[in-house]
């Protein structure tokens, strides 16, 4: 999605920059960039399963030590 702004006759650089920034905002470029900024790929099923098993094992360990009073 390319946004193009050409300089008009007798137009200052600041007004051209203002027009460009407005087009970017109305075009949804900033919103889309922010949305894509923190997206992560999903881990494969074996990694998710291993992480879940680790969490369960860790929780049971903590519960055992809590029962022992440590």
N, C-alpha and C. Protein backbone atom coordinates (compact mmCIF):
# COMPACT_ATOMS: atom_id res chain seq x y z
N UNK A 1 0.85 -1.16 0.00
CA UNK A 1 0.00 0.00 0.00
C UNK A 1 0.90 1.23 0.00
N UNK A 2 1.22 1.75 -1.17
CA UNK A 2 2.09 2.90 -1.29
C UNK A 2 1.27 4.18 -1.30
N UNK A 3 1.71 5.13 -0.52
CA UNK A 3 1.03 6.43 -0.48
C UNK A 3 1.98 7.43 -1.13
N UNK A 4 1.47 8.14 -2.09
CA UNK A 4 2.30 9.06 -2.85
C UNK A 4 1.75 10.47 -2.73
N UNK A 5 2.64 11.41 -2.45
CA UNK A 5 2.27 12.81 -2.35
C UNK A 5 3.28 13.60 -3.17
N UNK A 6 2.80 14.38 -4.10
CA UNK A 6 3.69 15.19 -4.93
C UNK A 6 3.56 16.65 -4.52
N UNK A 7 4.66 17.35 -4.65
CA UNK A 7 4.69 18.75 -4.25
C UNK A 7 3.91 19.60 -5.24
N UNK A 8 3.03 20.42 -4.71
CA UNK A 8 2.26 21.34 -5.54
C UNK A 8 3.07 22.62 -5.77
N UNK A 9 2.57 23.45 -6.67
CA UNK A 9 3.25 24.72 -6.92
C UNK A 9 3.17 25.60 -5.68
N UNK A 10 4.28 26.24 -5.39
CA UNK A 10 4.39 27.17 -4.25
C UNK A 10 3.99 26.52 -2.92
N UNK A 11 4.23 25.24 -2.76
CA UNK A 11 3.89 24.56 -1.51
C UNK A 11 5.16 24.35 -0.69
N UNK A 12 5.06 24.62 0.58
CA UNK A 12 6.22 24.42 1.45
C UNK A 12 6.37 22.95 1.78
N UNK A 13 7.56 22.61 2.24
CA UNK A 13 7.84 21.22 2.60
C UNK A 13 7.01 20.79 3.81
N UNK A 14 6.79 21.71 4.73
CA UNK A 14 6.02 21.36 5.92
C UNK A 14 4.56 21.08 5.59
N UNK A 15 3.99 21.82 4.66
CA UNK A 15 2.59 21.56 4.30
C UNK A 15 2.48 20.26 3.51
N UNK A 16 3.50 19.95 2.71
CA UNK A 16 3.49 18.68 1.99
C UNK A 16 3.61 17.51 2.97
N UNK A 17 4.46 17.68 3.96
CA UNK A 17 4.61 16.65 4.99
C UNK A 17 3.31 16.48 5.77
N UNK A 18 2.62 17.58 6.04
CA UNK A 18 1.34 17.52 6.73
C UNK A 18 0.32 16.73 5.90
N UNK A 19 0.27 17.00 4.58
CA UNK A 19 -0.66 16.27 3.71
C UNK A 19 -0.32 14.78 3.69
N UNK A 20 0.98 14.48 3.66
CA UNK A 20 1.40 13.08 3.65
C UNK A 20 0.98 12.37 4.94
N UNK A 21 1.23 13.01 6.08
CA UNK A 21 0.88 12.37 7.35
C UNK A 21 -0.63 12.17 7.47
N UNK A 22 -1.41 13.10 6.95
CA UNK A 22 -2.86 12.94 6.98
C UNK A 22 -3.30 11.76 6.11
N UNK A 23 -2.68 11.62 4.94
CA UNK A 23 -3.03 10.49 4.07
C UNK A 23 -2.66 9.16 4.70
N UNK A 24 -1.53 9.14 5.39
CA UNK A 24 -1.11 7.92 6.07
C UNK A 24 -2.11 7.55 7.15
N UNK A 25 -2.55 8.54 7.92
CA UNK A 25 -3.50 8.28 9.00
C UNK A 25 -4.85 7.82 8.45
N UNK A 26 -5.33 8.48 7.41
CA UNK A 26 -6.63 8.12 6.86
C UNK A 26 -6.56 6.81 6.09
N UNK A 27 -5.39 6.48 5.59
CA UNK A 27 -5.24 5.23 4.85
C UNK A 27 -5.14 4.01 5.75
N UNK A 28 -4.95 4.21 7.04
CA UNK A 28 -4.88 3.10 7.98
C UNK A 28 -3.52 2.44 8.03
N UNK A 29 -2.50 3.10 7.53
CA UNK A 29 -1.16 2.52 7.50
C UNK A 29 -0.61 2.39 8.92
N UNK A 30 -0.78 3.42 9.72
CA UNK A 30 -0.25 3.40 11.08
C UNK A 30 -0.97 2.34 11.91
N UNK A 31 -2.26 2.26 11.77
CA UNK A 31 -3.05 1.28 12.51
C UNK A 31 -2.62 -0.15 12.16
N UNK A 32 -2.42 -0.39 10.89
CA UNK A 32 -2.00 -1.71 10.42
C UNK A 32 -0.60 -2.04 10.92
N UNK A 33 0.30 -1.08 10.90
CA UNK A 33 1.67 -1.31 11.36
C UNK A 33 1.69 -1.63 12.85
N UNK A 34 0.90 -0.91 13.63
CA UNK A 34 0.85 -1.19 15.07
C UNK A 34 0.24 -2.55 15.35
N UNK A 35 -0.72 -2.94 14.54
CA UNK A 35 -1.36 -4.23 14.73
C UNK A 35 -0.38 -5.37 14.44
N UNK A 36 0.45 -5.18 13.42
CA UNK A 36 1.40 -6.22 13.02
C UNK A 36 2.67 -6.22 13.84
N UNK A 37 2.88 -5.21 14.64
CA UNK A 37 4.15 -5.05 15.34
C UNK A 37 4.42 -6.19 16.32
N UNK A 38 3.43 -6.63 17.04
CA UNK A 38 3.66 -7.60 18.10
C UNK A 38 3.07 -8.98 17.82
N UNK A 39 2.71 -9.25 16.60
CA UNK A 39 2.17 -10.57 16.30
C UNK A 39 3.29 -11.60 16.35
N UNK A 40 2.98 -12.74 16.91
CA UNK A 40 3.97 -13.81 17.01
C UNK A 40 3.45 -15.05 16.31
N UNK A 41 4.37 -15.83 15.84
CA UNK A 41 3.97 -17.07 15.20
C UNK A 41 3.58 -18.07 16.28
N UNK A 42 2.64 -18.94 15.96
CA UNK A 42 2.22 -19.95 16.93
C UNK A 42 3.26 -21.06 16.99
N UNK A 43 3.51 -21.52 18.19
CA UNK A 43 4.48 -22.60 18.38
C UNK A 43 3.86 -23.91 17.89
N UNK A 44 4.72 -24.82 17.48
CA UNK A 44 4.17 -26.09 16.99
C UNK A 44 3.62 -26.91 18.16
N UNK A 45 2.88 -27.94 17.83
CA UNK A 45 2.13 -28.66 18.86
C UNK A 45 3.05 -29.38 19.85
N UNK A 46 4.20 -29.88 19.41
CA UNK A 46 5.08 -30.58 20.35
C UNK A 46 5.66 -29.61 21.37
N UNK A 47 6.00 -28.41 20.95
CA UNK A 47 6.53 -27.43 21.91
C UNK A 47 5.45 -27.01 22.91
N UNK A 48 4.22 -26.81 22.41
CA UNK A 48 3.13 -26.43 23.31
C UNK A 48 2.86 -27.54 24.31
N UNK A 49 2.88 -28.78 23.85
CA UNK A 49 2.63 -29.92 24.73
C UNK A 49 3.73 -30.03 25.79
N UNK A 50 4.98 -29.86 25.37
CA UNK A 50 6.09 -29.93 26.31
C UNK A 50 6.00 -28.82 27.35
N UNK A 51 5.63 -27.62 26.92
CA UNK A 51 5.50 -26.51 27.85
C UNK A 51 4.37 -26.76 28.85
N UNK A 52 3.27 -27.33 28.37
CA UNK A 52 2.15 -27.63 29.25
C UNK A 52 2.54 -28.70 30.28
N UNK A 53 3.24 -29.72 29.83
CA UNK A 53 3.69 -30.76 30.76
C UNK A 53 4.65 -30.19 31.79
N UNK A 54 5.52 -29.31 31.37
CA UNK A 54 6.46 -28.68 32.31
C UNK A 54 5.70 -27.86 33.35
N UNK A 55 4.70 -27.10 32.91
CA UNK A 55 3.92 -26.31 33.85
C UNK A 55 3.21 -27.20 34.86
N UNK A 56 2.61 -28.27 34.40
CA UNK A 56 1.89 -29.18 35.30
C UNK A 56 2.85 -29.80 36.30
N UNK A 57 4.01 -30.23 35.81
CA UNK A 57 5.00 -30.84 36.69
C UNK A 57 5.48 -29.84 37.74
N UNK A 58 5.71 -28.62 37.32
CA UNK A 58 6.18 -27.57 38.23
C UNK A 58 5.10 -27.26 39.28
N UNK A 59 3.84 -27.22 38.88
CA UNK A 59 2.75 -26.94 39.83
C UNK A 59 2.65 -28.04 40.88
N UNK A 60 2.76 -29.30 40.45
CA UNK A 60 2.68 -30.40 41.42
C UNK A 60 3.87 -30.37 42.37
N UNK A 61 5.06 -30.01 41.87
CA UNK A 61 6.22 -29.87 42.73
C UNK A 61 6.01 -28.81 43.79
N UNK A 62 5.48 -27.67 43.37
CA UNK A 62 5.23 -26.58 44.31
C UNK A 62 4.18 -26.96 45.35
N UNK A 63 3.16 -27.69 44.93
CA UNK A 63 2.13 -28.13 45.88
C UNK A 63 2.70 -29.10 46.90
N UNK A 64 3.60 -30.00 46.46
CA UNK A 64 4.22 -30.96 47.38
C UNK A 64 5.08 -30.24 48.42
N UNK A 65 5.87 -29.27 47.96
CA UNK A 65 6.71 -28.53 48.92
C UNK A 65 5.86 -27.68 49.86
N UNK A 66 4.72 -27.19 49.38
CA UNK A 66 3.84 -26.41 50.23
C UNK A 66 3.23 -27.29 51.32
N UNK A 67 2.89 -28.53 50.96
CA UNK A 67 2.32 -29.47 51.94
C UNK A 67 3.35 -29.85 53.00
N UNK A 68 4.62 -29.94 52.57
CA UNK A 68 5.66 -30.29 53.51
C UNK A 68 5.97 -29.13 54.48
N UNK A 69 5.57 -27.94 54.09
CA UNK A 69 5.78 -26.79 54.95
C UNK A 69 7.07 -26.07 54.70
N UNK A 70 7.64 -26.23 53.55
CA UNK A 70 8.90 -25.57 53.24
C UNK A 70 8.68 -24.32 52.46
